[in-house]
Amino acid sequence: MKILISWYAYQNDFDRSDGVRLKEGGPTMQFHDNFYESGGYEKHMLLSASREADGDLAIDLLTLAIRKKYPERVVEPVFMDISDPIDLPAIKSKIERVLLLHRDSTIDIFFSPGTSAMQVSWYICHSSLGLQTRLLQTRSPRFSSKKQPELLEIQVETSPVPYSAVIAEQQQRVQVTREDYLITDAMKPLYARARLVAQADGVTCLITGASGTGKEHLAHYIHQQSAARERRFIPVNCSALGDQLLESRLFGYVKGAFTDAKADQTGYFDAANGGTLFLDEIGDISPYMQQLLLRVLQEGEFMPVGATQARKVSVRVIAATHRDLDAMCEAGTFRRDLYYRLTVVELAVNTLQQRGDEEKTKLIDFFLERARTEFKKPKLRLSRPAINVLVSYPFPGNVRELENLITGIAVFSDNTVEVADLPARLSRPAPTDSASLSWKVAEKNLLIRALEQHRGNQRRAWQAVGYKSLNTFRSKLAEYGIDP
């Protein structure tokens, strides 16, 4: 497919002296009048900095004008949700995503419309992504010796080296929503349960498991399988935000609520209304935030910061944690009433090590094959000794660590990857626990290892060790002075 992509020209496509009116001879219409048909395009992706929910009168007018004049042409408005038109990193990351989604197409970028940051972003992406792109600009008739519009191609040297790095960064942003995520045999029963959870409209769910095991992907799967799949799925990392910021992000605020509150701001609960809100690392929130969250789950309403009237909301909440919330409830650091609200359904995700060598091998093959396609390196492979090293490594960072490792290998390798090409940490022998033959020393070290492997989750560590009860496990921790 051959695609034309561009921003609309905020000033030159419109006359804004009296409202918003389409300007005769603007650059976008001029391109369609003079160059679109000869370019052989099958679609024009017309970008707006606005959010789709807010709408954009200008892009509506321009799209309708093109369709009216050229009914057979496909014009697709794309809302980019960019709040600052000169924020180069934000603009670059968003147009990268759009371009990479169409990596198999031939793409002509109409360079002229847009702010300077938008134009620089086009330049960077064209020169670094390694895609089939051209940069085009037009010359107005008044500056042309021919007294008619001219189409010019901007010649830029491109480098394939940054391509892998940019692709790798982009993979991290979209990995949890990929359709080609591998659900191995060991994970199928868990995903079957998740599918049943999805059918129970609005049921709250807690997903437990160590970091990097795929908790967010499981939450997104539940959303995609539910009746709310067309509504928004909003993930929030609770551990990354302090109380004040987390409260304003979740519930929004009204103008004047605090010094920098210059206008009303919608929170995540409002934005996810009718959809799903994923609260990651829920075990890290403070008692104050636990109380606010409990009210939303109990009453179905919340109070924006600085507001005097509560708002009703209908949102499925899926929470996740690597912590042992039950133990935290006993210790008094997590509200038990909130814990019960969150655990209407509980799903536990196993570590990569628990899934076994066969599952690990399948994931290695899967990520390697995906890397060959993504980075266009058909000869990339792992030698048998290298595969053995990967299978033997415990991967404390779980599936995320394995995926990132294969991505890193693909960035720097083209052919066969040997053991010497792998990070040195993979080949280091595991440290010995102790040379002592004492049963108590061995038992203490076993408990420490179990807690480390399960990221402090006492329930999962207890199950791995095999004591008859969780209380026995906890009493052993106390006996040996082990701080979980």
Protein backbone atom coordinates (compact mmCIF):
# COMPACT_ATOMS: atom_id res chain seq x y z
CA MET A 1 0.00 0.00 0.00
CA LYS A 2 1.19 3.52 -0.76
CA ILE A 3 0.24 6.09 1.88
CA LEU A 4 0.46 9.86 2.12
CA ILE A 5 0.76 11.14 5.68
CA SER A 6 0.81 14.71 6.97
CA TRP A 7 -0.32 17.13 9.62
CA TYR A 8 -2.77 19.75 8.44
CA ALA A 9 -1.43 23.30 8.15
CA TYR A 10 -2.89 25.15 11.14
CA GLN A 11 -2.49 28.61 9.59
CA ASN A 12 -2.19 28.03 5.85
CA ASP A 13 -5.03 25.52 5.36
CA PHE A 14 -7.51 27.79 7.17
CA ASP A 15 -8.59 31.36 7.57
CA ARG A 16 -8.91 31.91 11.33
CA SER A 17 -9.65 35.63 11.28
CA ASP A 18 -13.35 34.92 11.78
CA GLY A 19 -13.82 31.44 13.26
CA VAL A 20 -12.38 28.53 11.28
CA ARG A 21 -12.93 28.55 7.51
CA LEU A 22 -11.15 26.54 4.84
CA LYS A 23 -8.70 28.68 2.87
CA GLU A 24 -8.64 28.41 -0.92
CA GLY A 25 -5.30 27.13 -2.20
CA GLY A 26 -4.03 25.83 1.16
CA PRO A 27 -1.12 23.35 1.01
CA THR A 28 -3.18 20.22 1.75
CA MET A 29 -5.83 20.92 -0.93
CA GLN A 30 -3.06 22.06 -3.28
CA PHE A 31 -1.34 18.68 -2.86
CA HIS A 32 -4.59 16.85 -3.66
CA ASP A 33 -5.30 19.08 -6.65
CA ASN A 34 -1.87 18.70 -8.23
CA PHE A 35 0.07 15.68 -6.93
CA TYR A 36 -2.15 13.11 -5.19
CA GLU A 37 -3.45 11.27 -8.24
CA SER A 38 -0.08 11.06 -9.97
CA GLY A 39 1.46 9.84 -6.71
CA GLY A 40 -0.69 6.70 -6.81
CA TYR A 41 -1.75 6.96 -3.18
CA GLU A 42 -4.32 4.60 -1.69
CA LYS A 43 -4.86 6.58 1.49
CA HIS A 44 -4.09 9.95 3.07
CA MET A 45 -3.56 9.83 6.83
CA LEU A 46 -4.26 13.37 8.04
CA LEU A 47 -2.90 14.03 11.55
CA SER A 48 -4.43 16.22 14.23
CA ALA A 49 -2.75 17.12 17.52
CA SER A 50 -6.13 16.92 19.29
CA ARG A 51 -7.64 14.06 21.28
CA GLU A 52 -10.34 12.11 19.47
CA ALA A 53 -12.71 12.58 22.42
CA ASP A 54 -12.37 16.37 22.11
CA GLY A 55 -12.80 16.46 18.34
CA ASP A 56 -11.19 18.92 15.92
CA LEU A 57 -13.35 21.21 13.78
CA ALA A 58 -10.46 22.05 11.44
CA ILE A 59 -9.67 18.46 10.48
CA ASP A 60 -13.38 17.77 10.03
CA LEU A 61 -13.69 20.68 7.59
CA LEU A 62 -10.58 19.69 5.66
CA THR A 63 -11.53 16.01 5.47
CA LEU A 64 -15.05 16.81 4.26
CA ALA A 65 -13.71 19.23 1.64
CA ILE A 66 -11.35 16.60 0.19
CA ARG A 67 -14.01 13.90 0.19
CA LYS A 68 -16.54 16.21 -1.45
CA LYS A 69 -14.14 17.19 -4.23
CA TYR A 70 -12.60 13.73 -4.63
CA PRO A 71 -15.19 11.15 -3.42
CA GLU A 72 -13.07 8.17 -4.41
CA ARG A 73 -10.15 9.16 -2.20
CA VAL A 74 -9.62 7.67 1.27
CA VAL A 75 -8.81 10.33 3.87
CA GLU A 76 -8.29 9.03 7.42
CA PRO A 77 -8.16 11.53 10.28
CA VAL A 78 -5.74 10.40 13.01
CA PHE A 79 -5.89 12.04 16.43
CA MET A 80 -2.45 12.12 18.08
CA ASP A 81 -3.33 13.58 21.52
CA ILE A 82 -0.41 16.03 21.67
CA SER A 83 -0.87 18.78 24.25
CA ASP A 84 2.30 20.70 23.38
CA PRO A 85 2.95 21.22 19.63
CA ILE A 86 6.64 21.97 20.27
CA ASP A 87 7.35 18.99 22.56
CA LEU A 88 9.77 17.18 20.24
CA PRO A 89 10.23 13.93 22.28
CA ALA A 90 6.46 13.46 22.70
CA ILE A 91 5.70 14.18 19.03
CA LYS A 92 8.54 11.95 17.83
CA SER A 93 7.44 8.99 19.96
CA LYS A 94 3.84 9.23 18.71
CA ILE A 95 4.61 9.52 15.00
CA GLU A 96 7.14 6.67 15.35
CA ARG A 97 4.30 4.49 16.54
CA VAL A 98 2.11 5.44 13.57
CA LEU A 99 4.90 4.88 11.04
CA LEU A 100 5.93 1.54 12.53
CA LEU A 101 2.36 0.28 12.40
CA HIS A 102 2.59 0.78 8.61
CA ARG A 103 6.16 -0.47 8.18
CA ASP A 104 5.16 -2.73 5.28
CA SER A 105 3.75 0.17 3.26
CA THR A 106 5.44 2.79 1.10
CA ILE A 107 4.96 6.10 2.91
CA ASP A 108 5.31 9.60 1.52
CA ILE A 109 5.52 12.24 4.24
CA PHE A 110 4.18 15.67 3.27
CA PHE A 111 6.79 17.61 5.21
CA SER A 112 5.56 21.20 4.84
CA PRO A 113 2.54 21.40 7.24
CA GLY A 114 3.10 21.39 11.00
CA THR A 115 5.21 23.09 13.63
CA SER A 116 9.01 23.04 13.54
CA ALA A 117 9.03 20.22 16.14
CA MET A 118 6.68 18.18 13.95
CA GLN A 119 8.93 18.70 10.93
CA VAL A 120 12.08 17.76 12.88
CA SER A 121 10.28 14.62 14.09
CA TRP A 122 9.52 13.63 10.49
CA TYR A 123 13.19 14.15 9.61
CA ILE A 124 14.45 12.02 12.53
CA CYS A 125 12.02 9.17 11.86
CA HIS A 126 12.72 9.16 8.12
CA SER A 127 16.48 9.02 8.67
CA SER A 128 16.53 6.48 11.50
CA LEU A 129 13.65 4.01 11.25
CA GLY A 130 14.76 2.30 8.05
CA LEU A 131 11.27 2.37 6.54
CA GLN A 132 10.16 3.01 2.96
CA THR A 133 9.60 6.73 3.47
CA ARG A 134 10.14 9.87 1.41
CA LEU A 135 10.04 13.49 2.61
CA LEU A 136 8.09 15.70 0.22
CA GLN A 137 7.45 19.42 0.26
CA THR A 138 5.69 21.74 -2.14
CA ARG A 139 6.68 25.09 -3.62
CA SER A 140 3.97 27.69 -3.99
CA PRO A 141 3.31 29.03 -7.53
CA ARG A 142 4.39 32.52 -6.48
CA PHE A 143 7.90 31.22 -5.69
CA SER A 144 8.10 28.97 -8.76
CA SER A 145 9.72 30.00 -12.01
CA LYS A 146 7.03 27.94 -13.74
CA LYS A 147 4.28 29.87 -11.89
CA GLN A 148 2.68 26.61 -10.83
CA PRO A 149 2.97 24.36 -7.75
CA GLU A 150 6.08 22.17 -7.62
CA LEU A 151 6.66 18.94 -5.71
CA LEU A 152 10.15 18.52 -4.24
CA GLU A 153 11.75 15.55 -2.48
CA ILE A 154 14.02 16.29 0.47
CA GLN A 155 17.12 14.14 0.11
CA VAL A 156 18.41 12.76 3.42
CA GLU A 157 21.04 10.11 4.13
CA THR A 158 19.55 7.31 6.19
CA SER A 159 21.26 4.89 8.58
CA PRO A 160 20.02 1.38 9.39
CA VAL A 161 21.94 1.28 12.69
CA PRO A 162 19.50 3.37 14.80
CA TYR A 163 16.60 1.43 13.28
CA SER A 164 17.04 -1.56 15.57
CA ALA A 165 17.42 0.64 18.63
CA VAL A 166 14.29 2.65 17.86
CA ILE A 167 12.31 -0.49 17.12
CA ALA A 168 13.51 -1.94 20.42
CA GLU A 169 12.31 1.14 22.30
CA GLN A 170 8.97 1.02 20.50
CA GLN A 171 8.55 -2.66 21.39
CA GLN A 172 8.74 -1.83 25.08
CA ARG A 173 5.85 0.64 24.73
CA VAL A 174 3.49 -1.73 22.96
CA GLN A 175 4.55 -5.17 24.16
CA VAL A 176 1.58 -5.69 26.49
CA THR A 177 -0.98 -5.07 23.77
CA ARG A 178 0.55 -7.16 20.99
CA GLU A 179 -1.73 -9.65 19.29
CA ASP A 180 1.19 -12.07 18.77
CA TYR A 181 1.87 -12.55 22.46
CA LEU A 182 2.71 -16.21 23.09
CA ILE A 183 0.43 -18.00 25.55
CA THR A 184 2.33 -21.19 26.30
CA ASP A 185 0.78 -24.47 27.46
CA ALA A 186 1.65 -23.70 31.07
CA MET A 187 -0.25 -20.39 30.85
CA LYS A 188 -3.36 -21.60 29.01
CA PRO A 189 -5.31 -22.61 32.16
CA LEU A 190 -4.65 -19.15 33.63
CA TYR A 191 -5.86 -17.41 30.46
CA ALA A 192 -8.92 -19.68 30.36
CA ARG A 193 -9.81 -18.45 33.86
CA ALA A 194 -9.14 -14.88 32.79
CA ARG A 195 -11.57 -15.30 29.91
CA LEU A 196 -14.28 -16.34 32.37
CA VAL A 197 -13.47 -13.27 34.49
CA ALA A 198 -13.90 -11.11 31.40
CA GLN A 199 -17.42 -12.41 30.85
CA ALA A 200 -18.43 -11.39 34.39
CA ASP A 201 -19.06 -7.76 33.64
CA GLY A 202 -17.43 -5.35 36.08
CA VAL A 203 -16.01 -7.96 38.48
CA THR A 204 -12.91 -6.69 40.29
CA CYS A 205 -9.79 -8.81 39.93
CA LEU A 206 -6.40 -8.99 41.66
CA ILE A 207 -3.45 -10.38 39.69
CA THR A 208 -0.46 -11.50 41.75
CA GLY A 209 2.99 -12.47 40.59
CA ALA A 210 6.60 -11.38 40.46
CA SER A 211 7.70 -8.43 38.34
CA GLY A 212 8.02 -9.19 34.64
CA THR A 213 5.70 -12.20 34.59
CA GLY A 214 3.08 -10.56 32.35
CA LYS A 215 0.49 -9.24 34.79
CA GLU A 216 -0.37 -6.22 32.66
CA HIS A 217 -0.81 -8.35 29.57
CA LEU A 218 -3.20 -10.61 31.46
CA ALA A 219 -5.18 -7.56 32.59
CA HIS A 220 -5.33 -6.26 29.02
CA TYR A 221 -6.47 -9.70 27.85
CA ILE A 222 -9.37 -9.57 30.31
CA HIS A 223 -10.34 -6.16 28.95
CA GLN A 224 -10.12 -7.30 25.33
CA GLN A 225 -12.31 -10.34 26.02
CA SER A 226 -14.95 -8.31 27.87
CA ALA A 227 -17.99 -6.41 26.64
CA ALA A 228 -16.06 -3.19 27.36
CA ARG A 229 -13.38 -3.96 24.76
CA GLU A 230 -14.32 -0.88 22.70
CA ARG A 231 -13.84 1.38 25.72
CA ARG A 232 -10.53 2.50 27.16
CA PHE A 233 -7.99 0.39 29.03
CA ILE A 234 -5.85 2.68 31.18
CA PRO A 235 -2.80 1.29 33.04
CA VAL A 236 -1.47 3.18 36.08
CA ASN A 237 1.79 2.39 37.89
CA CYS A 238 0.84 3.26 41.47
CA SER A 239 4.36 2.82 42.84
CA ALA A 240 5.71 5.57 40.59
CA LEU A 241 3.44 8.31 42.00
CA GLY A 242 3.19 9.96 45.41
CA ASP A 243 -0.13 10.50 47.15
CA GLN A 244 -0.90 13.98 45.82
CA LEU A 245 0.02 13.16 42.24
CA LEU A 246 -1.69 9.77 42.27
CA GLU A 247 -4.90 11.26 43.70
CA SER A 248 -5.04 14.00 41.07
CA ARG A 249 -4.23 11.52 38.28
CA LEU A 250 -6.87 9.01 39.36
CA PHE A 251 -9.68 11.38 40.30
CA GLY A 252 -8.83 14.59 38.45
CA TYR A 253 -9.16 18.05 39.95
CA VAL A 254 -11.07 21.28 39.57
CA LYS A 255 -9.68 24.68 38.72
CA GLY A 256 -8.12 26.32 41.76
CA ALA A 257 -7.75 23.07 43.75
CA PHE A 258 -4.04 23.85 44.16
CA THR A 259 -1.50 26.39 42.91
CA ASP A 260 -0.96 24.98 39.41
CA ALA A 261 -4.58 23.90 38.85
CA LYS A 262 -5.40 26.49 36.19
CA ALA A 263 -8.22 24.48 34.62
CA ASP A 264 -10.38 21.45 35.38
CA GLN A 265 -8.56 18.18 34.70
CA THR A 266 -10.22 14.82 34.02
CA GLY A 267 -8.83 11.87 36.00
CA TYR A 268 -8.23 8.29 34.95
CA PHE A 269 -11.47 7.05 36.52
CA ASP A 270 -13.45 9.49 34.37
CA ALA A 271 -11.38 8.67 31.29
CA ALA A 272 -11.88 4.93 31.78
CA ASN A 273 -15.62 5.20 32.45
CA GLY A 274 -17.28 2.16 30.89
CA GLY A 275 -13.87 0.53 30.42
CA THR A 276 -11.04 -0.85 32.52
CA LEU A 277 -8.58 0.78 34.93
CA PHE A 278 -5.48 -1.31 35.65
CA LEU A 279 -3.80 -0.36 38.95
CA ASP A 280 -0.34 -1.90 38.93
CA GLU A 281 1.65 -2.30 42.17
CA ILE A 282 -1.44 -1.67 44.29
CA GLY A 283 0.47 -2.90 47.35
CA ASP A 284 2.58 0.27 47.30
CA ILE A 285 -0.23 2.79 47.84
CA SER A 286 -0.56 4.62 51.16
CA PRO A 287 -3.35 4.13 53.75
CA TYR A 288 -4.80 7.46 52.60
CA MET A 289 -5.06 6.30 48.98
CA GLN A 290 -6.39 2.92 50.12
CA GLN A 291 -9.28 4.71 51.79
CA LEU A 292 -10.08 6.77 48.67
CA LEU A 293 -9.93 3.72 46.43
CA LEU A 294 -12.17 1.73 48.77
CA ARG A 295 -14.87 4.38 48.43
CA VAL A 296 -14.85 4.12 44.64
CA LEU A 297 -15.15 0.33 44.77
CA GLN A 298 -17.90 0.42 47.40
CA GLU A 299 -19.98 3.39 46.24
CA GLY A 300 -19.12 3.66 42.54
CA GLU A 301 -18.30 7.34 42.99
CA PHE A 302 -15.30 9.55 43.68
CA MET A 303 -14.48 13.15 44.53
CA PRO A 304 -12.12 15.11 42.24
CA VAL A 305 -9.50 17.09 44.15
CA GLY A 306 -11.02 20.39 45.23
CA ALA A 307 -14.56 19.42 44.17
CA THR A 308 -17.64 19.63 46.38
CA GLN A 309 -19.77 17.11 44.49
CA ALA A 310 -19.02 13.43 43.91
CA ARG A 311 -19.09 11.88 40.44
CA LYS A 312 -20.57 8.51 39.58
CA VAL A 313 -18.45 6.14 37.54
CA SER A 314 -18.70 2.60 36.17
CA VAL A 315 -15.22 1.14 35.74
CA ARG A 316 -13.85 -2.39 36.05
CA VAL A 317 -10.79 -2.21 38.32
CA ILE A 318 -8.04 -4.78 37.83
CA ALA A 319 -5.21 -4.49 40.34
CA ALA A 320 -1.83 -6.20 40.38
CA THR A 321 0.98 -6.61 42.88
CA HIS A 322 4.14 -8.58 43.55
CA ARG A 323 3.54 -8.20 47.30
CA ASP A 324 1.76 -10.53 49.72
CA LEU A 325 -1.32 -8.42 50.50
CA ASP A 326 -2.66 -10.96 52.95
CA ALA A 327 0.51 -10.65 55.04
CA MET A 328 0.33 -6.87 54.74
CA CYS A 329 -3.23 -6.99 56.09
CA GLU A 330 -2.03 -9.00 59.11
CA ALA A 331 0.77 -6.48 59.61
CA GLY A 332 -1.73 -3.60 59.44
CA THR A 333 -0.18 -1.93 56.38
CA PHE A 334 -3.00 -2.77 53.96
CA ARG A 335 -6.74 -2.46 54.59
CA ARG A 336 -8.41 -5.83 54.76
CA ASP A 337 -11.75 -4.42 53.54
CA LEU A 338 -9.98 -3.09 50.43
CA TYR A 339 -8.19 -6.42 50.03
CA TYR A 340 -11.53 -8.24 49.99
CA ARG A 341 -12.93 -5.75 47.45
CA LEU A 342 -9.96 -6.32 45.16
CA THR A 343 -9.93 -10.11 45.44
CA VAL A 344 -13.43 -10.89 44.20
CA VAL A 345 -11.34 -12.92 41.74
CA GLU A 346 -7.62 -13.60 42.21
CA LEU A 347 -5.30 -14.78 39.45
CA ALA A 348 -1.71 -15.83 40.19
CA VAL A 349 0.95 -15.67 37.46
CA ASN A 350 3.85 -18.10 37.76
CA THR A 351 7.47 -17.04 37.39
CA LEU A 352 9.32 -18.04 34.25
CA GLN A 353 11.43 -20.46 36.28
CA GLN A 354 8.30 -22.20 37.60
CA ARG A 355 7.01 -22.76 34.08
CA GLY A 356 9.89 -25.11 33.29
CA ASP A 357 12.63 -25.46 30.66
CA GLU A 358 10.26 -26.49 27.87
CA GLU A 359 8.20 -23.32 28.24
CA LYS A 360 11.36 -21.24 28.45
CA THR A 361 12.63 -22.79 25.21
CA LYS A 362 9.34 -22.00 23.45
CA LEU A 363 9.54 -18.37 24.55
CA ILE A 364 13.16 -18.10 23.39
CA ASP A 365 12.15 -19.41 19.94
CA PHE A 366 9.13 -17.11 19.84
CA PHE A 367 11.02 -13.93 20.73
CA LEU A 368 13.86 -14.84 18.37
CA GLU A 369 11.51 -15.38 15.44
CA ARG A 370 9.77 -12.10 16.17
CA ALA A 371 13.13 -10.33 16.32
CA ARG A 372 14.09 -11.74 12.90
CA THR A 373 10.94 -10.22 11.42
CA GLU A 374 11.09 -6.92 13.31
CA PHE A 375 14.74 -6.25 12.55
CA LYS A 376 14.78 -7.89 9.11
CA LYS A 377 17.59 -10.27 10.07
CA PRO A 378 16.62 -13.66 8.58
CA LYS A 379 20.02 -15.26 9.40
CA LEU A 380 19.85 -14.46 13.12
CA ARG A 381 19.99 -17.64 15.23
CA LEU A 382 21.29 -18.95 18.55
CA SER A 383 23.89 -21.69 18.71
CA ARG A 384 22.96 -24.77 20.75
CA PRO A 385 25.42 -23.87 23.57
CA ALA A 386 23.93 -20.37 23.70
CA ILE A 387 20.42 -21.81 23.94
CA ASN A 388 21.57 -24.11 26.77
CA VAL A 389 22.94 -21.12 28.69
CA LEU A 390 19.64 -19.25 28.30
CA VAL A 391 17.56 -22.26 29.38
CA SER A 392 19.78 -22.80 32.45
CA TYR A 393 19.63 -19.16 33.55
CA PRO A 394 16.91 -18.51 36.21
CA PHE A 395 15.80 -15.14 34.77
CA PRO A 396 14.89 -13.30 37.99
CA GLY A 397 13.32 -10.62 35.79
CA ASN A 398 11.05 -13.28 34.26
CA VAL A 399 9.52 -13.01 30.76
CA ARG A 400 10.31 -9.30 30.51
CA GLU A 401 14.00 -9.96 31.12
CA LEU A 402 14.04 -12.75 28.53
CA GLU A 403 12.27 -10.62 25.92
CA ASN A 404 14.58 -7.65 26.52
CA LEU A 405 17.60 -9.95 26.30
CA ILE A 406 16.54 -11.36 22.91
CA THR A 407 15.79 -7.82 21.69
CA GLY A 408 19.28 -6.72 22.71
CA ILE A 409 20.82 -9.69 20.92
CA ALA A 410 18.91 -8.81 17.76
CA VAL A 411 20.07 -5.17 17.87
CA PHE A 412 23.75 -6.10 17.75
CA SER A 413 23.82 -9.46 15.95
CA ASP A 414 23.13 -10.51 12.36
CA ASN A 415 24.06 -14.18 12.21
CA THR A 416 24.77 -16.94 14.75
CA VAL A 417 24.93 -15.87 18.40
CA GLU A 418 27.49 -17.79 20.45
CA VAL A 419 27.90 -18.02 24.22
CA ALA A 420 30.60 -15.34 24.08
CA ASP A 421 28.06 -12.93 22.58
CA LEU A 422 25.69 -13.27 25.54
CA PRO A 423 25.87 -10.99 28.60
CA ALA A 424 28.48 -12.26 31.05
CA ARG A 425 25.97 -12.53 33.91
CA LEU A 426 24.24 -15.45 32.17
CA SER A 427 27.31 -17.67 32.37
CA ARG A 428 28.33 -16.90 35.95
CA PRO A 429 27.79 -19.82 38.33
CA ALA A 430 25.10 -19.28 40.94
CA PRO A 431 26.58 -18.36 44.32
CA THR A 432 26.66 -21.22 46.81
CA ASP A 433 24.44 -20.74 49.83
CA SER A 434 26.77 -22.17 52.41
CA ALA A 435 29.29 -24.92 52.90
CA SER A 436 27.66 -25.77 56.21
CA LEU A 437 25.93 -29.12 56.65
CA SER A 438 23.71 -27.71 59.38
CA TRP A 439 20.01 -28.36 58.77
CA LYS A 440 19.08 -24.94 60.21
CA VAL A 441 21.53 -23.13 57.92
CA ALA A 442 20.17 -25.03 54.91
CA GLU A 443 16.56 -24.29 55.93
CA LYS A 444 17.27 -20.59 56.44
CA ASN A 445 18.98 -20.32 53.06
CA LEU A 446 16.06 -22.15 51.42
CA LEU A 447 13.59 -19.64 52.88
CA ILE A 448 15.71 -16.70 51.74
CA ARG A 449 15.99 -18.13 48.22
CA ALA A 450 12.23 -18.75 48.03
CA LEU A 451 11.46 -15.16 49.06
CA GLU A 452 13.99 -13.75 46.59
CA GLN A 453 12.64 -15.86 43.73
CA HIS A 454 9.06 -14.78 44.47
CA ARG A 455 9.90 -11.12 45.10
CA GLY A 456 8.83 -11.19 48.74
CA ASN A 457 5.44 -12.82 48.10
CA GLN A 458 5.12 -14.99 51.21
CA ARG A 459 2.18 -17.04 50.00
CA ARG A 460 3.92 -18.10 46.80
CA ALA A 461 7.24 -18.68 48.60
CA TRP A 462 5.44 -20.86 51.17
CA GLN A 463 3.82 -22.92 48.40
CA ALA A 464 7.19 -23.37 46.68
CA VAL A 465 8.92 -24.54 49.87
CA GLY A 466 6.11 -26.91 50.82
CA TYR A 467 5.33 -26.29 54.50
CA LYS A 468 1.90 -27.53 55.59
CA SER A 469 0.60 -24.06 56.39
CA LEU A 470 1.39 -20.42 55.77
CA ASN A 471 1.57 -19.86 59.53
CA THR A 472 4.36 -22.43 59.78
CA PHE A 473 6.24 -20.62 57.02
CA ARG A 474 5.86 -17.28 58.80
CA SER A 475 6.92 -18.70 62.15
CA LYS A 476 10.08 -20.03 60.49
CA LEU A 477 10.80 -16.58 59.10
CA ALA A 478 10.47 -15.15 62.59
CA GLU A 479 12.63 -17.95 64.08
CA TYR A 480 15.49 -17.19 61.67
CA GLY A 481 15.05 -13.41 61.85
CA ILE A 482 14.29 -13.15 58.12
CA ASP A 483 12.66 -9.88 57.12
CA PRO A 484 10.34 -10.58 54.15
